[in-house]
Amino acid sequence: MNPGQDTVSIIIPARNEAEGLKTFLPQLRQIYPKAEILVINDGSTDDTALVALNSGAKVYSHPYSMGNGASIKTGARKAKGSILVFMDGDGQHRPDVISPLLAKFHEGYDMVVGARERTSQANTIRWLGNTFYNFIASHIVKRPVLDLTSGCRVVNAQKFREFLHLLPNGFSSPTTITMAFFRTGYSVTYIPIQVLPRIGRSHLRPFSDGLKFLLIIYKMTILYSPLKIFIPFSILHLIAGISNYAYTFTTQGRFTNMSAVLLSASVIIFLIGLISEQITALMYANTQVPFVHKSKKSRIKKTFKTYAKSIKETSKPH
């Protein structure tokens, strides 16, 4: 990919981030005067939209708060650049982190994510939570995932838009897009970045959002590879069924209903897992269809031309 031919769109979801944007946007515009900067105003009740407009950014406002993921999707739809840069609007991400991300992206990656270092985490509890999520994701994709929930990333615009229908409207969109890229076989890498303390109050709620992220771990496993969830449950029921049958046969000399239920559940769970795996494969198949169809079309066209040429030569008078 030739960096000189690429256009960059910087997308900043923002909800009541006027104070952070006052400092961040002028610095960003000074470093990247030609980049398209989009601020997605997610139903803010402060001067977020006005501050962004005065800083020369394009502003798209939601009539009410629709969520961080909804803002990301709005930005991706409105952006004109072939490269999308996502940053938070709370003042944590410094404008100078974009340059190393772009440099790594131009090495041939489809997505480059800024991985927050330990000293950049808001507190120990959040660092432990993110470390747990990263461990689970790394185990699922069999690749090192250094920061699953980072909002700072550079990505190929066309490939990113392939997954807009999968992205939720809440805070789990970074998780979903990361897993989707790994599942499809697109290249993802991480580089460490330093972030600043956020300006203003965080919109995350530790308890309720913590439960949501636990659900996200389950959902992202289903999204990536359902059999990794269904097979362990199937084996667990199989072992329980066999153990129960061995016990009841030894003590009572018969095959009980509980053994039948457990063994049947094992088979049913396994079959549901197979169906889910096929559905997941079909869900990601759209990213390969255009290439396959184009390849088939070119082969058919080439064959037709060869056939027409042979007919023409054989029909010439000798």
Protein backbone atom coordinates (compact mmCIF):
# COMPACT_ATOMS: atom_id res chain seq x y z
CA MET A 1 0.00 0.00 0.00
CA ASN A 2 1.45 3.33 -1.06
CA PRO A 3 1.13 5.87 1.76
CA GLY A 4 1.10 8.74 -0.71
CA GLN A 5 -2.11 7.54 -2.32
CA ASP A 6 -4.04 7.01 0.92
CA THR A 7 -6.45 9.44 2.50
CA VAL A 8 -6.87 9.46 6.27
CA SER A 9 -10.07 10.05 8.21
CA ILE A 10 -9.78 10.51 11.97
CA ILE A 11 -12.99 9.54 13.77
CA ILE A 12 -13.62 10.71 17.34
CA PRO A 13 -16.74 9.52 19.17
CA ALA A 14 -17.61 12.09 21.84
CA ARG A 15 -20.26 12.47 24.48
CA ASN A 16 -19.93 15.49 26.76
CA GLU A 17 -16.22 15.81 25.97
CA ALA A 18 -16.04 19.56 25.34
CA GLU A 19 -13.19 20.13 27.81
CA GLY A 20 -11.02 17.37 26.36
CA LEU A 21 -11.66 18.42 22.76
CA LYS A 22 -10.65 22.04 23.44
CA THR A 23 -7.06 20.93 23.86
CA PHE A 24 -6.99 17.80 21.72
CA LEU A 25 -8.51 19.01 18.43
CA PRO A 26 -6.22 22.04 17.85
CA GLN A 27 -3.18 19.84 18.44
CA LEU A 28 -4.56 17.19 16.10
CA ARG A 29 -5.31 19.73 13.36
CA GLN A 30 -1.82 21.21 13.66
CA ILE A 31 -0.14 17.81 13.21
CA TYR A 32 -2.53 16.58 10.47
CA PRO A 33 -3.77 19.66 8.59
CA LYS A 34 -4.94 17.67 5.55
CA ALA A 35 -6.66 14.81 7.36
CA GLU A 36 -10.42 14.56 7.54
CA ILE A 37 -11.43 14.91 11.18
CA LEU A 38 -14.91 13.76 12.17
CA VAL A 39 -16.38 14.26 15.63
CA ILE A 40 -19.47 12.15 16.28
CA ASN A 41 -21.48 14.02 18.88
CA ASP A 42 -23.41 11.32 20.72
CA GLY A 43 -26.28 13.34 22.16
CA SER A 44 -24.03 15.59 24.27
CA THR A 45 -25.59 18.10 26.65
CA ASP A 46 -22.51 20.34 26.77
CA ASP A 47 -20.66 22.30 24.05
CA THR A 48 -19.04 19.26 22.41
CA ALA A 49 -20.48 20.01 18.96
CA LEU A 50 -19.64 23.75 19.12
CA VAL A 51 -16.05 23.12 20.25
CA ALA A 52 -15.55 20.61 17.43
CA LEU A 53 -16.97 22.97 14.81
CA ASN A 54 -14.79 25.85 16.00
CA SER A 55 -11.75 23.57 15.71
CA GLY A 56 -12.49 22.86 12.04
CA ALA A 57 -13.78 19.31 12.44
CA LYS A 58 -16.79 17.84 10.68
CA VAL A 59 -19.52 17.21 13.22
CA TYR A 60 -22.28 14.61 12.98
CA SER A 61 -24.70 14.66 15.90
CA HIS A 62 -27.00 11.96 17.21
CA PRO A 63 -30.36 13.29 18.47
CA TYR A 64 -29.81 11.34 21.69
CA SER A 65 -27.09 9.16 23.18
CA MET A 66 -26.93 5.99 21.11
CA GLY A 67 -23.66 4.56 22.44
CA ASN A 68 -19.98 4.51 21.58
CA GLY A 69 -20.44 1.74 19.01
CA ALA A 70 -23.19 3.66 17.24
CA SER A 71 -20.85 6.66 17.01
CA ILE A 72 -18.12 4.49 15.53
CA LYS A 73 -20.53 3.17 12.91
CA THR A 74 -21.72 6.68 12.05
CA GLY A 75 -18.14 7.83 11.64
CA ALA A 76 -17.23 4.87 9.45
CA ARG A 77 -20.22 5.52 7.18
CA LYS A 78 -19.53 9.26 6.86
CA ALA A 79 -15.73 9.09 6.47
CA LYS A 80 -14.26 9.49 2.99
CA GLY A 81 -10.73 8.26 3.70
CA SER A 82 -9.36 4.88 2.70
CA ILE A 83 -7.74 4.64 6.15
CA LEU A 84 -9.75 5.11 9.34
CA VAL A 85 -8.15 6.28 12.57
CA PHE A 86 -10.26 5.89 15.71
CA MET A 87 -9.46 7.89 18.85
CA ASP A 88 -11.31 8.71 22.06
CA GLY A 89 -12.47 12.24 22.67
CA ASP A 90 -11.69 12.33 26.40
CA GLY A 91 -8.13 13.64 26.01
CA GLN A 92 -6.45 10.31 26.81
CA HIS A 93 -5.05 9.70 23.33
CA ARG A 94 -2.27 12.01 22.24
CA PRO A 95 -2.20 13.12 18.59
CA ASP A 96 1.41 12.00 18.18
CA VAL A 97 0.46 8.30 18.61
CA ILE A 98 -1.14 8.30 15.14
CA SER A 99 2.17 8.50 13.27
CA PRO A 100 3.65 5.18 14.58
CA LEU A 101 0.27 3.50 14.09
CA LEU A 102 0.16 4.62 10.45
CA ALA A 103 3.78 3.59 9.91
CA LYS A 104 3.01 0.09 11.16
CA PHE A 105 -0.18 -0.01 9.08
CA HIS A 106 1.75 0.76 5.90
CA GLU A 107 3.91 -2.30 6.50
CA GLY A 108 0.93 -4.28 5.20
CA TYR A 109 -1.38 -4.80 8.17
CA ASP A 110 -5.15 -4.49 7.93
CA MET A 111 -5.52 -3.12 11.46
CA VAL A 112 -3.05 -1.69 13.97
CA VAL A 113 -4.18 -1.20 17.56
CA GLY A 114 -2.60 1.02 20.19
CA ALA A 115 -2.02 -1.16 23.26
CA ARG A 116 -2.12 0.79 26.52
CA GLU A 117 0.80 0.09 28.83
CA ARG A 118 0.35 -0.84 32.49
CA THR A 119 1.14 2.67 33.71
CA SER A 120 -1.54 4.10 31.40
CA GLN A 121 -4.42 2.13 32.93
CA ALA A 122 -6.94 4.11 34.99
CA ASN A 123 -6.57 1.88 38.06
CA THR A 124 -5.47 -1.58 39.14
CA ILE A 125 -8.97 -3.09 38.97
CA ARG A 126 -9.45 -1.99 35.37
CA TRP A 127 -5.95 -3.21 34.46
CA LEU A 128 -6.70 -6.63 35.96
CA GLY A 129 -10.00 -6.76 34.09
CA ASN A 130 -8.40 -5.85 30.77
CA THR A 131 -5.61 -8.37 31.37
CA PHE A 132 -8.23 -11.08 31.91
CA TYR A 133 -10.07 -10.14 28.70
CA ASN A 134 -6.80 -10.12 26.77
CA PHE A 135 -5.90 -13.58 28.08
CA ILE A 136 -9.26 -15.05 27.06
CA ALA A 137 -9.11 -13.45 23.60
CA SER A 138 -5.52 -14.61 23.05
CA HIS A 139 -6.55 -18.16 23.92
CA ILE A 140 -9.47 -18.02 21.48
CA VAL A 141 -7.64 -16.58 18.46
CA LYS A 142 -4.28 -18.27 19.17
CA ARG A 143 -2.54 -14.93 18.72
CA PRO A 144 -1.30 -12.38 21.29
CA VAL A 145 -4.06 -9.85 21.99
CA LEU A 146 -2.41 -7.04 23.94
CA ASP A 147 -5.37 -4.70 24.39
CA LEU A 148 -8.80 -6.01 23.44
CA THR A 149 -10.76 -2.89 24.43
CA SER A 150 -8.47 -0.15 23.12
CA GLY A 151 -10.29 2.67 21.34
CA CYS A 152 -7.16 3.81 19.49
CA ARG A 153 -6.61 2.01 16.20
CA VAL A 154 -5.87 2.41 12.49
CA VAL A 155 -7.78 0.21 10.07
CA ASN A 156 -8.46 -0.36 6.38
CA ALA A 157 -11.75 1.46 5.74
CA GLN A 158 -13.17 -0.99 3.21
CA LYS A 159 -12.48 -4.02 5.37
CA PHE A 160 -13.79 -2.30 8.49
CA ARG A 161 -17.13 -1.54 6.83
CA GLU A 162 -17.62 -5.24 6.06
CA PHE A 163 -18.40 -5.77 9.75
CA LEU A 164 -20.57 -2.76 10.57
CA HIS A 165 -23.63 -5.02 10.85
CA LEU A 166 -21.88 -7.00 13.59
CA LEU A 167 -20.90 -4.05 15.76
CA PRO A 168 -23.07 -3.38 18.83
CA ASN A 169 -24.04 0.15 19.79
CA GLY A 170 -22.37 -0.03 23.19
CA PHE A 171 -18.78 -0.13 24.42
CA SER A 172 -17.96 -3.61 23.10
CA SER A 173 -17.41 -2.56 19.47
CA PRO A 174 -13.56 -2.63 19.76
CA THR A 175 -13.82 -6.19 21.06
CA THR A 176 -16.17 -7.25 18.28
CA ILE A 177 -14.18 -5.73 15.42
CA THR A 178 -10.94 -7.24 16.72
CA MET A 179 -12.44 -10.73 16.90
CA ALA A 180 -14.08 -10.29 13.49
CA PHE A 181 -10.77 -9.37 11.86
CA PHE A 182 -9.01 -12.36 13.41
CA ARG A 183 -11.88 -14.68 12.42
CA THR A 184 -11.81 -13.55 8.79
CA GLY A 185 -8.05 -13.90 8.48
CA TYR A 186 -7.21 -10.21 8.24
CA SER A 187 -3.86 -9.17 9.74
CA VAL A 188 -3.90 -7.46 13.13
CA THR A 189 -0.99 -6.19 15.19
CA TYR A 190 -0.39 -4.08 18.29
CA ILE A 191 2.08 -1.39 19.25
CA PRO A 192 2.43 0.03 22.79
CA ILE A 193 1.18 3.56 23.43
CA GLN A 194 1.10 5.90 26.41
CA VAL A 195 -2.22 7.54 27.24
CA LEU A 196 -2.98 10.52 29.46
CA PRO A 197 -5.49 10.69 32.33
CA ARG A 198 -8.94 11.34 30.93
CA ILE A 199 -10.49 14.79 31.17
CA GLY A 200 -13.92 14.71 32.78
CA ARG A 201 -15.94 11.84 34.18
CA SER A 202 -15.79 8.33 32.76
CA HIS A 203 -18.99 6.93 31.26
CA LEU A 204 -18.08 3.39 32.34
CA ARG A 205 -19.79 1.94 35.41
CA PRO A 206 -17.49 -0.62 37.10
CA PHE A 207 -20.11 -3.10 38.31
CA SER A 208 -22.76 -3.11 35.56
CA ASP A 209 -20.25 -2.68 32.73
CA GLY A 210 -18.03 -5.35 34.31
CA LEU A 211 -20.92 -7.81 34.04
CA LYS A 212 -21.48 -6.72 30.46
CA PHE A 213 -17.84 -7.39 29.61
CA LEU A 214 -18.10 -10.88 31.09
CA LEU A 215 -21.04 -11.45 28.76
CA ILE A 216 -18.95 -10.03 25.91
CA ILE A 217 -16.30 -12.70 26.53
CA TYR A 218 -18.96 -15.37 26.07
CA LYS A 219 -20.44 -13.63 23.03
CA MET A 220 -17.09 -13.04 21.33
CA THR A 221 -16.25 -16.74 21.70
CA ILE A 222 -19.56 -17.59 20.03
CA LEU A 223 -18.79 -14.98 17.39
CA TYR A 224 -15.32 -16.34 16.71
CA SER A 225 -15.61 -20.11 17.14
CA PRO A 226 -18.81 -21.54 18.70
CA LEU A 227 -17.42 -25.06 19.05
CA LYS A 228 -14.97 -23.79 21.67
CA ILE A 229 -18.00 -23.15 23.87
CA PHE A 230 -20.25 -26.05 22.89
CA ILE A 231 -17.71 -28.90 22.84
CA PRO A 232 -16.60 -28.49 26.50
CA PHE A 233 -20.26 -28.42 27.60
CA SER A 234 -20.99 -31.45 25.44
CA ILE A 235 -18.04 -33.37 26.91
CA LEU A 236 -19.10 -32.36 30.43
CA HIS A 237 -22.59 -33.79 29.89
CA LEU A 238 -21.13 -36.91 28.27
CA ILE A 239 -18.85 -37.56 31.24
CA ALA A 240 -21.71 -36.92 33.66
CA GLY A 241 -23.99 -39.28 31.73
CA ILE A 242 -21.43 -42.09 31.58
CA SER A 243 -20.54 -41.64 35.27
CA ASN A 244 -24.19 -41.70 36.28
CA TYR A 245 -24.82 -44.80 34.20
CA ALA A 246 -21.78 -46.58 35.64
CA TYR A 247 -22.95 -45.76 39.17
CA THR A 248 -26.59 -46.79 38.67
CA PHE A 249 -25.66 -49.95 36.77
CA THR A 250 -23.25 -50.96 39.53
CA THR A 251 -25.61 -50.19 42.39
CA GLN A 252 -29.03 -50.84 40.82
CA GLY A 253 -28.27 -52.84 37.69
CA ARG A 254 -30.22 -50.52 35.37
CA PHE A 255 -30.02 -47.59 32.97
CA THR A 256 -31.79 -44.58 34.53
CA ASN A 257 -33.64 -41.65 32.99
CA MET A 258 -31.01 -39.22 34.28
CA SER A 259 -28.30 -41.04 32.35
CA ALA A 260 -30.45 -40.88 29.21
CA VAL A 261 -31.07 -37.15 29.68
CA LEU A 262 -27.38 -36.35 30.21
CA LEU A 263 -26.21 -38.43 27.24
CA SER A 264 -28.93 -37.01 25.00
CA ALA A 265 -28.05 -33.47 26.10
CA SER A 266 -24.42 -34.15 25.20
CA VAL A 267 -25.38 -35.09 21.64
CA ILE A 268 -27.82 -32.18 21.29
CA ILE A 269 -25.29 -29.60 22.54
CA PHE A 270 -22.69 -30.95 20.13
CA LEU A 271 -25.09 -30.75 17.18
CA ILE A 272 -26.10 -27.19 18.12
CA GLY A 273 -22.41 -26.33 18.19
CA LEU A 274 -21.95 -27.71 14.67
CA ILE A 275 -24.90 -25.67 13.40
CA SER A 276 -23.56 -22.54 15.13
CA GLU A 277 -20.17 -23.11 13.54
CA GLN A 278 -21.76 -23.26 10.11
CA ILE A 279 -23.77 -20.10 10.77
CA THR A 280 -20.60 -18.32 11.89
CA ALA A 281 -18.80 -19.44 8.74
CA LEU A 282 -21.65 -18.12 6.59
CA MET A 283 -21.65 -14.84 8.52
CA TYR A 284 -18.03 -14.21 7.52
CA ALA A 285 -18.37 -15.65 4.01
CA ASN A 286 -19.39 -12.29 2.52
CA THR A 287 -15.83 -11.04 2.88
CA GLN A 288 -14.67 -13.68 0.41
CA VAL A 289 -17.58 -13.79 -2.02
CA PRO A 290 -16.57 -10.80 -4.19
CA PHE A 291 -13.09 -12.24 -4.69
CA VAL A 292 -14.41 -15.70 -5.55
CA HIS A 293 -17.01 -14.37 -7.93
CA LYS A 294 -14.48 -12.13 -9.61
CA SER A 295 -12.10 -15.04 -9.99
CA LYS A 296 -14.83 -17.25 -11.47
CA LYS A 297 -15.94 -14.47 -13.78
CA SER A 298 -12.42 -13.93 -15.11
CA ARG A 299 -11.94 -17.67 -15.69
CA ILE A 300 -15.26 -17.93 -17.55
CA LYS A 301 -14.44 -14.87 -19.63
CA LYS A 302 -11.00 -16.23 -20.50
CA THR A 303 -12.45 -19.63 -21.45
CA PHE A 304 -15.10 -18.01 -23.62
CA LYS A 305 -12.50 -15.91 -25.45
CA THR A 306 -10.33 -18.98 -26.07
CA TYR A 307 -13.34 -20.93 -27.36
CA ALA A 308 -14.45 -18.06 -29.63
CA LYS A 309 -10.94 -17.72 -31.02
CA SER A 310 -10.75 -21.44 -31.81
CA ILE A 311 -14.14 -21.33 -33.58
CA LYS A 312 -13.05 -18.33 -35.60
CA GLU A 313 -9.83 -20.02 -36.72
CA THR A 314 -11.54 -23.26 -37.69
CA SER A 315 -14.15 -21.36 -39.73
CA LYS A 316 -11.55 -19.61 -41.92
CA PRO A 317 -11.45 -20.89 -45.54
CA HIS A 318 -8.30 -22.86 -46.35
